[in-house]
Structures are given as C-alpha cells and as structure tokens.
Amino acid sequence: MKKRIKAIIFDLGNVLVDFDHMIAARKIAAFTDKDGGQMYRLFFDSELTGLFEEGKVSAEGFFKEVKRLLNLRISYEEFLPIWNEIFFLSKKNKDVYNIAKKLKSNYKTALLSNVNILHFDYLKKNFPVFDAFDHIITSYKIGLRKPHPSIYRNALKLLKEPAGSVFYTDDRRDLIEKANALGIRGFWFEGVGKLKKDFISVGIKI
C-alpha cells in the first residue's frame, strides 16, 4: 500500500515563474561579435553556467568569464538587468502559486530549483511567489543541481518525510525520472489541468 502524501515539492522555472533566455540573448547581441548559436551556448548552456548555478563561481567571476568568452563591451552594472530581466508571470504561474498557497495549509511545501544567486535574488525581490513554501532549496546554496540525488535527499531531510510520502512536480521529464528512482512520487508538469489530475491520482486535496 502506497503511503499518504504529506509533502509537496514544486519546481520554480516554467512552473511558478516563466522565463525566456532569448530576451537576454537579443539584448546581449548588441555588445558582442559572436553569432546567436555561439552566444547562447556560452551564455546559457555551458559548464560555466552550471558552475554558477552550483554556487562554485561568484557573480562577479561569472560575469568576468562571460565577458571574456563573448568579448563583451559592457560593464557588470549594465550586464545585471540584461541577465536578470528574463522572467515573467503567466496565468499558469499565478494558478500554480494559488494552488501551492492553499496546499500549504494541509501539507508541507518546498520549492526546489536549479538557480544562480543573481536570478534568485532578483526573483525574490520582484516576484511574490515564495511565501507559499515552508522550505526553499536552491542549487547555488546546496552546491549541487538537479538531478543529483543529494539535492533531492536534502529536500526530503528538510521535509522530514520518506520519499514515498512526497509529491514532486517539475517541467523537465529527466529530473522527474531521477526523483522517481529515489522513490519520490514525481510527475511531469505540463500545465495546471494535468497538475490537478496528478494531485487527485495520489489523493491530494486542494
């Protein structure tokens, strides 16, 4: 017999807050001679960005290396709004937030995110979604990114619940699969309608 769900973990990006890296890419294009593909790989999809999300590179160190790699003609102060202003709230995000807020009354709630310190500080200041959670777990503080098993185990430890009593939703299927391998009840986030159905399937009442 499966355990009753007592805690719920939400992902942040594209679940509670939407983002579009191309907003920053288009702006940064004016300050570099790299083409779009090179810029995107170096700016977002790189080992450097991964290390920044794990807190192993400082914000200033990250900018210094990005500036070198992209030959950027821009200061750190000019870089910050370009890097940060990629987030926005959709109706979907607002609906998920309202659901999480309600669930907090009867379940332990946590936010689990791969995020760097600049983005997180910006989001905390500008997006009022964090009060729906008892625990906020970020990759840059833990020093690991999903899908490393230890970041999920850290969440379970904070929630003080076994894996089988924890529901987890994320917009990346690969991260859900890794959590499921640890016994967490993970469900791929594809929208509010499916999320509600997933809740019902495990006995969660909104």
C-alpha atoms as a PDB file:
ATOM      1  CA  MET A   1       0.000   0.000   0.000  1.00  0.00           C
ATOM      2  CA  LYS A   2       1.358   3.396  -1.004  1.00  0.00           C
ATOM      3  CA  LYS A   3       2.000   5.997   1.668  1.00  0.00           C
ATOM      4  CA  ARG A   4      -0.213   9.032   2.063  1.00  0.00           C
ATOM      5  CA  ILE A   5       1.287  12.202   0.613  1.00  0.00           C
ATOM      6  CA  LYS A   6       2.402  14.570   3.348  1.00  0.00           C
ATOM      7  CA  ALA A   7       4.707  16.948   1.481  1.00  0.00           C
ATOM      8  CA  ILE A   8       4.770  18.573  -1.946  1.00  0.00           C
ATOM      9  CA  ILE A   9       7.813  19.840  -3.861  1.00  0.00           C
ATOM     10  CA  PHE A  10       7.434  22.351  -6.670  1.00  0.00           C
ATOM     11  CA  ASP A  11       9.954  23.370  -9.298  1.00  0.00           C
ATOM     12  CA  LEU A  12      10.358  27.119  -9.893  1.00  0.00           C
ATOM     13  CA  GLY A  13      11.180  27.866 -13.542  1.00  0.00           C
ATOM     14  CA  ASN A  14       8.309  27.420 -16.025  1.00  0.00           C
ATOM     15  CA  VAL A  15       6.084  26.284 -13.168  1.00  0.00           C
ATOM     16  CA  LEU A  16       5.787  29.241 -10.776  1.00  0.00           C
ATOM     17  CA  VAL A  17       7.670  31.783 -12.878  1.00  0.00           C
ATOM     18  CA  ASP A  18       8.156  31.653 -16.641  1.00  0.00           C
ATOM     19  CA  PHE A  19      11.334  32.764 -18.379  1.00  0.00           C
ATOM     20  CA  ASP A  20      12.781  33.236 -21.851  1.00  0.00           C
ATOM     21  CA  HIS A  21      16.558  33.232 -22.280  1.00  0.00           C
ATOM     22  CA  MET A  22      16.165  34.770 -25.717  1.00  0.00           C
ATOM     23  CA  ILE A  23      15.107  38.063 -24.099  1.00  0.00           C
ATOM     24  CA  ALA A  24      18.632  38.378 -22.718  1.00  0.00           C
ATOM     25  CA  ALA A  25      20.265  36.896 -25.812  1.00  0.00           C
ATOM     26  CA  ARG A  26      18.719  39.533 -28.073  1.00  0.00           C
ATOM     27  CA  LYS A  27      19.885  42.336 -25.782  1.00  0.00           C
ATOM     28  CA  ILE A  28      23.413  40.976 -25.351  1.00  0.00           C
ATOM     29  CA  ALA A  29      23.805  40.625 -29.132  1.00  0.00           C
ATOM     30  CA  ALA A  30      24.402  44.371 -29.364  1.00  0.00           C
ATOM     31  CA  PHE A  31      27.539  44.038 -27.237  1.00  0.00           C
ATOM     32  CA  THR A  32      29.303  41.037 -28.798  1.00  0.00           C
ATOM     33  CA  ASP A  33      30.575  39.880 -32.179  1.00  0.00           C
ATOM     34  CA  LYS A  34      29.609  36.227 -31.533  1.00  0.00           C
ATOM     35  CA  ASP A  35      26.772  34.690 -33.551  1.00  0.00           C
ATOM     36  CA  GLY A  36      23.499  33.628 -31.953  1.00  0.00           C
ATOM     37  CA  GLY A  37      24.407  29.955 -31.551  1.00  0.00           C
ATOM     38  CA  GLN A  38      27.801  30.667 -30.003  1.00  0.00           C
ATOM     39  CA  MET A  39      26.326  33.269 -27.714  1.00  0.00           C
ATOM     40  CA  TYR A  40      23.534  31.005 -26.479  1.00  0.00           C
ATOM     41  CA  ARG A  41      25.874  28.071 -25.791  1.00  0.00           C
ATOM     42  CA  LEU A  42      28.388  30.222 -23.930  1.00  0.00           C
ATOM     43  CA  PHE A  43      25.825  32.353 -22.134  1.00  0.00           C
ATOM     44  CA  PHE A  44      23.272  29.773 -21.012  1.00  0.00           C
ATOM     45  CA  ASP A  45      24.119  26.185 -21.903  1.00  0.00           C
ATOM     46  CA  SER A  46      27.688  25.862 -20.667  1.00  0.00           C
ATOM     47  CA  GLU A  47      29.799  24.335 -17.917  1.00  0.00           C
ATOM     48  CA  LEU A  48      30.379  27.879 -16.644  1.00  0.00           C
ATOM     49  CA  THR A  49      26.649  28.491 -16.203  1.00  0.00           C
ATOM     50  CA  GLY A  50      26.342  25.122 -14.461  1.00  0.00           C
ATOM     51  CA  LEU A  51      29.095  26.041 -12.005  1.00  0.00           C
ATOM     52  CA  PHE A  52      27.381  29.375 -11.376  1.00  0.00           C
ATOM     53  CA  GLU A  53      24.114  27.582 -10.599  1.00  0.00           C
ATOM     54  CA  GLU A  54      26.012  25.387  -8.144  1.00  0.00           C
ATOM     55  CA  GLY A  55      27.473  28.416  -6.369  1.00  0.00           C
ATOM     56  CA  LYS A  56      31.004  27.408  -7.360  1.00  0.00           C
ATOM     57  CA  VAL A  57      31.612  30.644  -9.274  1.00  0.00           C
ATOM     58  CA  SER A  58      30.816  34.083  -7.837  1.00  0.00           C
ATOM     59  CA  ALA A  59      28.533  36.517  -9.661  1.00  0.00           C
ATOM     60  CA  GLU A  60      31.472  38.764 -10.455  1.00  0.00           C
ATOM     61  CA  GLY A  61      33.588  35.804 -11.535  1.00  0.00           C
ATOM     62  CA  PHE A  62      30.789  34.573 -13.786  1.00  0.00           C
ATOM     63  CA  PHE A  63      30.472  37.977 -15.451  1.00  0.00           C
ATOM     64  CA  LYS A  64      34.242  38.287 -15.905  1.00  0.00           C
ATOM     65  CA  GLU A  65      34.403  34.932 -17.691  1.00  0.00           C
ATOM     66  CA  VAL A  66      31.295  35.620 -19.820  1.00  0.00           C
ATOM     67  CA  LYS A  67      32.775  38.962 -20.800  1.00  0.00           C
ATOM     68  CA  ARG A  68      35.993  37.256 -21.862  1.00  0.00           C
ATOM     69  CA  LEU A  69      34.284  34.442 -23.775  1.00  0.00           C
ATOM     70  CA  LEU A  70      31.865  36.727 -25.624  1.00  0.00           C
ATOM     71  CA  ASN A  71      34.216  39.702 -25.995  1.00  0.00           C
ATOM     72  CA  LEU A  72      31.514  41.760 -24.309  1.00  0.00           C
ATOM     73  CA  ARG A  73      31.676  45.539 -24.489  1.00  0.00           C
ATOM     74  CA  ILE A  74      29.627  46.072 -21.341  1.00  0.00           C
ATOM     75  CA  SER A  75      30.092  46.706 -17.608  1.00  0.00           C
ATOM     76  CA  TYR A  76      28.904  44.499 -14.749  1.00  0.00           C
ATOM     77  CA  GLU A  77      26.268  47.102 -13.854  1.00  0.00           C
ATOM     78  CA  GLU A  78      24.958  47.069 -17.425  1.00  0.00           C
ATOM     79  CA  PHE A  79      25.057  43.284 -17.526  1.00  0.00           C
ATOM     80  CA  LEU A  80      22.881  42.707 -14.445  1.00  0.00           C
ATOM     81  CA  PRO A  81      19.497  43.846 -15.836  1.00  0.00           C
ATOM     82  CA  ILE A  82      20.151  42.018 -19.115  1.00  0.00           C
ATOM     83  CA  TRP A  83      20.919  38.795 -17.255  1.00  0.00           C
ATOM     84  CA  ASN A  84      18.036  39.112 -14.796  1.00  0.00           C
ATOM     85  CA  GLU A  85      15.126  40.584 -16.722  1.00  0.00           C
ATOM     86  CA  ILE A  86      14.068  37.384 -18.466  1.00  0.00           C
ATOM     87  CA  PHE A  87      11.260  36.376 -16.092  1.00  0.00           C
ATOM     88  CA  PHE A  88       7.518  36.967 -16.260  1.00  0.00           C
ATOM     89  CA  LEU A  89       4.290  35.692 -14.718  1.00  0.00           C
ATOM     90  CA  SER A  90       1.663  33.930 -16.823  1.00  0.00           C
ATOM     91  CA  LYS A  91      -1.842  32.913 -15.805  1.00  0.00           C
ATOM     92  CA  LYS A  92      -0.470  29.394 -15.430  1.00  0.00           C
ATOM     93  CA  ASN A  93       2.128  30.621 -12.926  1.00  0.00           C
ATOM     94  CA  LYS A  94      -0.459  32.511 -10.918  1.00  0.00           C
ATOM     95  CA  ASP A  95      -2.753  29.478 -10.834  1.00  0.00           C
ATOM     96  CA  VAL A  96       0.064  27.216  -9.610  1.00  0.00           C
ATOM     97  CA  TYR A  97       1.003  29.754  -6.937  1.00  0.00           C
ATOM     98  CA  ASN A  98      -2.594  29.951  -5.699  1.00  0.00           C
ATOM     99  CA  ILE A  99      -2.757  26.153  -5.541  1.00  0.00           C
ATOM    100  CA  ALA A 100       0.544  25.949  -3.641  1.00  0.00           C
ATOM    101  CA  LYS A 101      -0.654  28.601  -1.211  1.00  0.00           C
ATOM    102  CA  LYS A 102      -3.796  26.570  -0.454  1.00  0.00           C
ATOM    103  CA  LEU A 103      -1.874  23.322  -0.112  1.00  0.00           C
ATOM    104  CA  LYS A 104       0.482  24.858   2.448  1.00  0.00           C
ATOM    105  CA  SER A 105      -2.358  24.772   4.984  1.00  0.00           C
ATOM    106  CA  ASN A 106      -2.508  20.961   4.962  1.00  0.00           C
ATOM    107  CA  TYR A 107       0.811  19.788   3.530  1.00  0.00           C
ATOM    108  CA  LYS A 108       4.483  20.586   3.975  1.00  0.00           C
ATOM    109  CA  THR A 109       5.630  22.506   0.906  1.00  0.00           C
ATOM    110  CA  ALA A 110       9.032  23.079  -0.659  1.00  0.00           C
ATOM    111  CA  LEU A 111      10.468  24.836  -3.671  1.00  0.00           C
ATOM    112  CA  LEU A 112      13.390  23.057  -5.356  1.00  0.00           C
ATOM    113  CA  SER A 113      15.232  24.961  -8.060  1.00  0.00           C
ATOM    114  CA  ASN A 114      18.368  24.954 -10.175  1.00  0.00           C
ATOM    115  CA  VAL A 115      19.090  28.675  -9.980  1.00  0.00           C
ATOM    116  CA  ASN A 116      22.034  31.051  -9.658  1.00  0.00           C
ATOM    117  CA  ILE A 117      22.292  33.712  -6.954  1.00  0.00           C
ATOM    118  CA  LEU A 118      21.661  36.662  -9.297  1.00  0.00           C
ATOM    119  CA  HIS A 119      18.440  35.201 -10.657  1.00  0.00           C
ATOM    120  CA  PHE A 120      17.258  34.090  -7.234  1.00  0.00           C
ATOM    121  CA  ASP A 121      17.873  37.467  -5.586  1.00  0.00           C
ATOM    122  CA  TYR A 122      16.109  39.197  -8.489  1.00  0.00           C
ATOM    123  CA  LEU A 123      13.135  36.825  -8.274  1.00  0.00           C
ATOM    124  CA  LYS A 124      12.850  37.223  -4.507  1.00  0.00           C
ATOM    125  CA  LYS A 125      12.718  40.988  -4.932  1.00  0.00           C
ATOM    126  CA  ASN A 126      10.300  41.120  -7.870  1.00  0.00           C
ATOM    127  CA  PHE A 127       8.096  38.001  -7.842  1.00  0.00           C
ATOM    128  CA  PRO A 128       5.925  37.368  -4.748  1.00  0.00           C
ATOM    129  CA  VAL A 129       5.661  33.589  -5.052  1.00  0.00           C
ATOM    130  CA  PHE A 130       7.915  32.379  -2.253  1.00  0.00           C
ATOM    131  CA  ASP A 131       5.540  32.704   0.689  1.00  0.00           C
ATOM    132  CA  ALA A 132       3.710  29.561  -0.463  1.00  0.00           C
ATOM    133  CA  PHE A 133       6.601  27.380   0.718  1.00  0.00           C
ATOM    134  CA  ASP A 134       7.892  26.132   4.045  1.00  0.00           C
ATOM    135  CA  HIS A 135      11.318  25.417   2.540  1.00  0.00           C
ATOM    136  CA  ILE A 136      13.208  26.933  -0.384  1.00  0.00           C
ATOM    137  CA  ILE A 137      16.044  24.767  -1.696  1.00  0.00           C
ATOM    138  CA  THR A 138      18.351  26.249  -4.325  1.00  0.00           C
ATOM    139  CA  SER A 139      21.211  24.674  -6.241  1.00  0.00           C
ATOM    140  CA  TYR A 140      23.593  27.550  -5.574  1.00  0.00           C
ATOM    141  CA  LYS A 141      23.216  27.129  -1.794  1.00  0.00           C
ATOM    142  CA  ILE A 142      23.369  23.328  -1.815  1.00  0.00           C
ATOM    143  CA  GLY A 143      26.299  23.261  -4.255  1.00  0.00           C
ATOM    144  CA  LEU A 144      24.532  20.702  -6.475  1.00  0.00           C
ATOM    145  CA  ARG A 145      21.986  20.819  -9.272  1.00  0.00           C
ATOM    146  CA  LYS A 146      19.069  18.556 -10.045  1.00  0.00           C
ATOM    147  CA  PRO A 147      19.182  15.715 -10.959  1.00  0.00           C
ATOM    148  CA  HIS A 148      21.998  14.938  -8.482  1.00  0.00           C
ATOM    149  CA  PRO A 149      20.451  12.534  -5.935  1.00  0.00           C
ATOM    150  CA  SER A 150      21.814  14.513  -2.980  1.00  0.00           C
ATOM    151  CA  ILE A 151      19.756  17.616  -3.757  1.00  0.00           C
ATOM    152  CA  TYR A 152      16.584  15.507  -3.629  1.00  0.00           C
ATOM    153  CA  ARG A 153      17.764  13.830  -0.426  1.00  0.00           C
ATOM    154  CA  ASN A 154      18.384  17.259   1.058  1.00  0.00           C
ATOM    155  CA  ALA A 155      14.773  18.189   0.298  1.00  0.00           C
ATOM    156  CA  LEU A 156      13.496  15.003   1.955  1.00  0.00           C
ATOM    157  CA  LYS A 157      15.621  15.720   5.026  1.00  0.00           C
ATOM    158  CA  LEU A 158      14.223  19.256   5.341  1.00  0.00           C
ATOM    159  CA  LEU A 159      10.675  17.997   4.891  1.00  0.00           C
ATOM    160  CA  LYS A 160      11.301  15.172   7.387  1.00  0.00           C
ATOM    161  CA  GLU A 161       9.384  12.752   5.213  1.00  0.00           C
ATOM    162  CA  PRO A 162      10.261   9.496   3.427  1.00  0.00           C
ATOM    163  CA  ALA A 163      10.401   9.624  -0.371  1.00  0.00           C
ATOM    164  CA  GLY A 164       7.119   7.753  -0.777  1.00  0.00           C
ATOM    165  CA  SER A 165       5.215  10.442   1.122  1.00  0.00           C
ATOM    166  CA  VAL A 166       6.448  13.267  -1.131  1.00  0.00           C
ATOM    167  CA  PHE A 167       4.864  14.546  -4.348  1.00  0.00           C
ATOM    168  CA  TYR A 168       7.114  16.416  -6.796  1.00  0.00           C
ATOM    169  CA  THR A 169       6.288  18.364  -9.954  1.00  0.00           C
ATOM    170  CA  ASP A 170       8.823  19.698 -12.477  1.00  0.00           C
ATOM    171  CA  ASP A 171       8.631  20.788 -16.110  1.00  0.00           C
ATOM    172  CA  ARG A 172      11.671  18.656 -17.022  1.00  0.00           C
ATOM    173  CA  ARG A 173      10.914  14.982 -17.500  1.00  0.00           C
ATOM    174  CA  ASP A 174      14.548  13.925 -16.910  1.00  0.00           C
ATOM    175  CA  LEU A 175      14.517  15.494 -13.443  1.00  0.00           C
ATOM    176  CA  ILE A 176      11.255  13.747 -12.584  1.00  0.00           C
ATOM    177  CA  GLU A 177      12.711  10.396 -13.664  1.00  0.00           C
ATOM    178  CA  LYS A 178      15.716  10.823 -11.354  1.00  0.00           C
ATOM    179  CA  ALA A 179      13.447  11.707  -8.428  1.00  0.00           C
ATOM    180  CA  ASN A 180      11.218   8.718  -9.146  1.00  0.00           C
ATOM    181  CA  ALA A 181      14.297   6.476  -8.989  1.00  0.00           C
ATOM    182  CA  LEU A 182      14.709   7.599  -5.369  1.00  0.00           C
ATOM    183  CA  GLY A 183      11.099   6.706  -4.575  1.00  0.00           C
ATOM    184  CA  ILE A 184       9.714  10.243  -4.735  1.00  0.00           C
ATOM    185  CA  ARG A 185       6.265  10.471  -6.354  1.00  0.00           C
ATOM    186  CA  GLY A 186       7.308  12.661  -9.279  1.00  0.00           C
ATOM    187  CA  PHE A 187       5.012  13.985 -12.010  1.00  0.00           C
ATOM    188  CA  TRP A 188       5.942  15.883 -15.165  1.00  0.00           C
ATOM    189  CA  PHE A 189       4.419  19.367 -15.153  1.00  0.00           C
ATOM    190  CA  GLU A 190       2.556  20.076 -18.405  1.00  0.00           C
ATOM    191  CA  GLY A 191       0.046  22.636 -17.176  1.00  0.00           C
ATOM    192  CA  VAL A 192      -2.412  23.321 -14.389  1.00  0.00           C
ATOM    193  CA  GLY A 193      -5.046  20.886 -15.649  1.00  0.00           C
ATOM    194  CA  LYS A 194      -2.655  17.936 -15.597  1.00  0.00           C
ATOM    195  CA  LEU A 195      -1.222  19.030 -12.246  1.00  0.00           C
ATOM    196  CA  LYS A 196      -4.685  18.890 -10.687  1.00  0.00           C
ATOM    197  CA  LYS A 197      -5.241  15.416 -12.152  1.00  0.00           C
ATOM    198  CA  ASP A 198      -1.874  14.285 -10.790  1.00  0.00           C
ATOM    199  CA  PHE A 199      -2.837  15.574  -7.356  1.00  0.00           C
ATOM    200  CA  ILE A 200      -6.128  13.658  -7.484  1.00  0.00           C
ATOM    201  CA  SER A 201      -4.311  10.479  -8.576  1.00  0.00           C
ATOM    202  CA  VAL A 202      -2.332  10.390  -5.315  1.00  0.00           C
ATOM    203  CA  GLY A 203      -5.121  11.618  -3.038  1.00  0.00           C
ATOM    204  CA  ILE A 204      -4.050  15.239  -2.630  1.00  0.00           C
ATOM    205  CA  LYS A 205      -6.983  17.530  -1.925  1.00  0.00           C
ATOM    206  CA  ILE A 206      -6.703  21.179  -2.945  1.00  0.00           C
END
